[in-house]
Amino acid sequence: VDFDLILENIKDLNSLVGEGICQVEHTPRGARLRRPQPLPLTLYQDGIVVGHGAFRAYQHPGTQQCLQDIMDGYFPSELQPRYPDGV
């Protein structure tokens, strides 16, 4: 696993969705600015943890697909249903 490449690609993806930029959130009484909540990705020597989920070994096919998506410069496809605009 090339951790440096993964981190570089994550930084690129974060810049695509405007990391640190506030978004307008509509409320019943108007609107307000809010910062999107980040989704933590913790990299370990033998696996990953996405968000507050369970540990996933690198050998697991779902983990391999997640990392391959990141290595290819895309948001992990497993996150698209929950975060259609990126996270």
C-alpha atoms as a PDB file:
ATOM      1  CA  VAL A   1       0.000   0.000   0.000  1.00  0.00           C
ATOM      2  CA  ASP A   2       1.473   3.356  -1.074  1.00  0.00           C
ATOM      3  CA  PHE A   3       0.393   5.555   1.838  1.00  0.00           C
ATOM      4  CA  ASP A   4       1.954   8.685   0.327  1.00  0.00           C
ATOM      5  CA  LEU A   5      -0.040   8.304  -2.892  1.00  0.00           C
ATOM      6  CA  ILE A   6      -3.252   7.623  -0.970  1.00  0.00           C
ATOM      7  CA  LEU A   7      -2.751  10.762   1.142  1.00  0.00           C
ATOM      8  CA  GLU A   8      -1.924  12.848  -1.938  1.00  0.00           C
ATOM      9  CA  ASN A   9      -5.065  11.653  -3.722  1.00  0.00           C
ATOM     10  CA  ILE A  10      -7.200  12.304  -0.633  1.00  0.00           C
ATOM     11  CA  LYS A  11      -5.876  15.878  -0.505  1.00  0.00           C
ATOM     12  CA  ASP A  12      -6.775  16.306  -4.190  1.00  0.00           C
ATOM     13  CA  LEU A  13     -10.287  14.940  -3.590  1.00  0.00           C
ATOM     14  CA  ASN A  14     -10.742  17.214  -0.581  1.00  0.00           C
ATOM     15  CA  SER A  15      -9.823  20.244  -2.671  1.00  0.00           C
ATOM     16  CA  LEU A  16     -12.405  19.221  -5.288  1.00  0.00           C
ATOM     17  CA  VAL A  17     -15.237  19.453  -2.774  1.00  0.00           C
ATOM     18  CA  GLY A  18     -13.964  22.688  -1.273  1.00  0.00           C
ATOM     19  CA  GLU A  19     -12.366  21.579   1.972  1.00  0.00           C
ATOM     20  CA  GLY A  20     -12.751  24.311   4.565  1.00  0.00           C
ATOM     21  CA  ILE A  21     -15.311  26.239   2.505  1.00  0.00           C
ATOM     22  CA  CYS A  22     -18.689  26.919   4.065  1.00  0.00           C
ATOM     23  CA  GLN A  23     -21.891  25.876   2.349  1.00  0.00           C
ATOM     24  CA  VAL A  24     -25.346  27.420   2.576  1.00  0.00           C
ATOM     25  CA  GLU A  25     -27.717  25.312   4.628  1.00  0.00           C
ATOM     26  CA  HIS A  26     -31.407  26.167   4.302  1.00  0.00           C
ATOM     27  CA  THR A  27     -33.343  26.257   7.560  1.00  0.00           C
ATOM     28  CA  PRO A  28     -37.064  26.743   8.292  1.00  0.00           C
ATOM     29  CA  ARG A  29     -36.366  30.401   9.148  1.00  0.00           C
ATOM     30  CA  GLY A  30     -33.863  31.201   6.398  1.00  0.00           C
ATOM     31  CA  ALA A  31     -30.355  29.956   5.831  1.00  0.00           C
ATOM     32  CA  ARG A  32     -26.985  29.717   7.532  1.00  0.00           C
ATOM     33  CA  LEU A  33     -23.419  28.882   6.641  1.00  0.00           C
ATOM     34  CA  ARG A  34     -22.005  25.590   7.778  1.00  0.00           C
ATOM     35  CA  ARG A  35     -18.891  23.586   7.164  1.00  0.00           C
ATOM     36  CA  PRO A  36     -19.392  20.041   5.912  1.00  0.00           C
ATOM     37  CA  GLN A  37     -18.499  17.380   8.464  1.00  0.00           C
ATOM     38  CA  PRO A  38     -15.389  15.439   7.407  1.00  0.00           C
ATOM     39  CA  LEU A  39     -15.394  11.668   7.160  1.00  0.00           C
ATOM     40  CA  PRO A  40     -12.259  10.348   8.868  1.00  0.00           C
ATOM     41  CA  LEU A  41     -10.179   7.689   7.150  1.00  0.00           C
ATOM     42  CA  THR A  42      -7.643   5.999   9.400  1.00  0.00           C
ATOM     43  CA  LEU A  43      -4.851   4.045   7.727  1.00  0.00           C
ATOM     44  CA  TYR A  44      -3.155   1.244   9.620  1.00  0.00           C
ATOM     45  CA  GLN A  45      -0.332  -1.056   8.638  1.00  0.00           C
ATOM     46  CA  ASP A  46      -2.783  -3.899   8.019  1.00  0.00           C
ATOM     47  CA  GLY A  47      -6.087  -2.174   7.220  1.00  0.00           C
ATOM     48  CA  ILE A  48      -8.333   0.896   7.382  1.00  0.00           C
ATOM     49  CA  VAL A  49     -11.239   2.358   9.294  1.00  0.00           C
ATOM     50  CA  VAL A  50     -13.692   4.593   7.397  1.00  0.00           C
ATOM     51  CA  GLY A  51     -15.651   6.974   9.585  1.00  0.00           C
ATOM     52  CA  HIS A  52     -16.595   5.262  12.818  1.00  0.00           C
ATOM     53  CA  GLY A  53     -17.006   1.908  11.110  1.00  0.00           C
ATOM     54  CA  ALA A  54     -15.325  -1.396  11.736  1.00  0.00           C
ATOM     55  CA  PHE A  55     -11.686  -2.190  10.999  1.00  0.00           C
ATOM     56  CA  ARG A  56     -11.252  -3.534   7.463  1.00  0.00           C
ATOM     57  CA  ALA A  57      -8.193  -5.562   6.488  1.00  0.00           C
ATOM     58  CA  TYR A  58      -6.418  -4.698   3.243  1.00  0.00           C
ATOM     59  CA  GLN A  59      -7.090  -8.235   1.980  1.00  0.00           C
ATOM     60  CA  HIS A  60     -10.869  -7.688   2.069  1.00  0.00           C
ATOM     61  CA  PRO A  61     -12.269  -7.071  -1.464  1.00  0.00           C
ATOM     62  CA  GLY A  62     -14.336  -4.078  -0.292  1.00  0.00           C
ATOM     63  CA  THR A  63     -11.249  -2.457   1.215  1.00  0.00           C
ATOM     64  CA  GLN A  64      -9.272  -3.081  -1.954  1.00  0.00           C
ATOM     65  CA  GLN A  65     -12.034  -1.471  -4.039  1.00  0.00           C
ATOM     66  CA  CYS A  66     -12.198   1.542  -1.713  1.00  0.00           C
ATOM     67  CA  LEU A  67      -8.455   2.128  -1.933  1.00  0.00           C
ATOM     68  CA  GLN A  68      -8.394   1.496  -5.686  1.00  0.00           C
ATOM     69  CA  ASP A  69     -11.053   4.168  -6.168  1.00  0.00           C
ATOM     70  CA  ILE A  70      -8.908   6.618  -4.183  1.00  0.00           C
ATOM     71  CA  MET A  71      -5.758   5.602  -6.084  1.00  0.00           C
ATOM     72  CA  ASP A  72      -7.630   6.214  -9.355  1.00  0.00           C
ATOM     73  CA  GLY A  73      -8.560   9.716  -8.167  1.00  0.00           C
ATOM     74  CA  TYR A  74     -12.211   9.049  -7.343  1.00  0.00           C
ATOM     75  CA  PHE A  75     -14.280   9.130  -4.192  1.00  0.00           C
ATOM     76  CA  PRO A  76     -14.876   5.566  -3.001  1.00  0.00           C
ATOM     77  CA  SER A  77     -17.925   4.202  -4.781  1.00  0.00           C
ATOM     78  CA  GLU A  78     -19.235   2.789  -1.490  1.00  0.00           C
ATOM     79  CA  LEU A  79     -19.735   6.376  -0.245  1.00  0.00           C
ATOM     80  CA  GLN A  80     -21.697   7.658  -3.247  1.00  0.00           C
ATOM     81  CA  PRO A  81     -25.176   6.687  -1.983  1.00  0.00           C
ATOM     82  CA  ARG A  82     -24.641   8.555   1.321  1.00  0.00           C
ATOM     83  CA  TYR A  83     -22.549  11.424  -0.080  1.00  0.00           C
ATOM     84  CA  PRO A  84     -23.555  12.056  -3.720  1.00  0.00           C
ATOM     85  CA  ASP A  85     -21.672  15.405  -3.811  1.00  0.00           C
ATOM     86  CA  GLY A  86     -18.504  14.013  -2.251  1.00  0.00           C
ATOM     87  CA  VAL A  87     -17.270  14.088   1.318  1.00  0.00           C
END
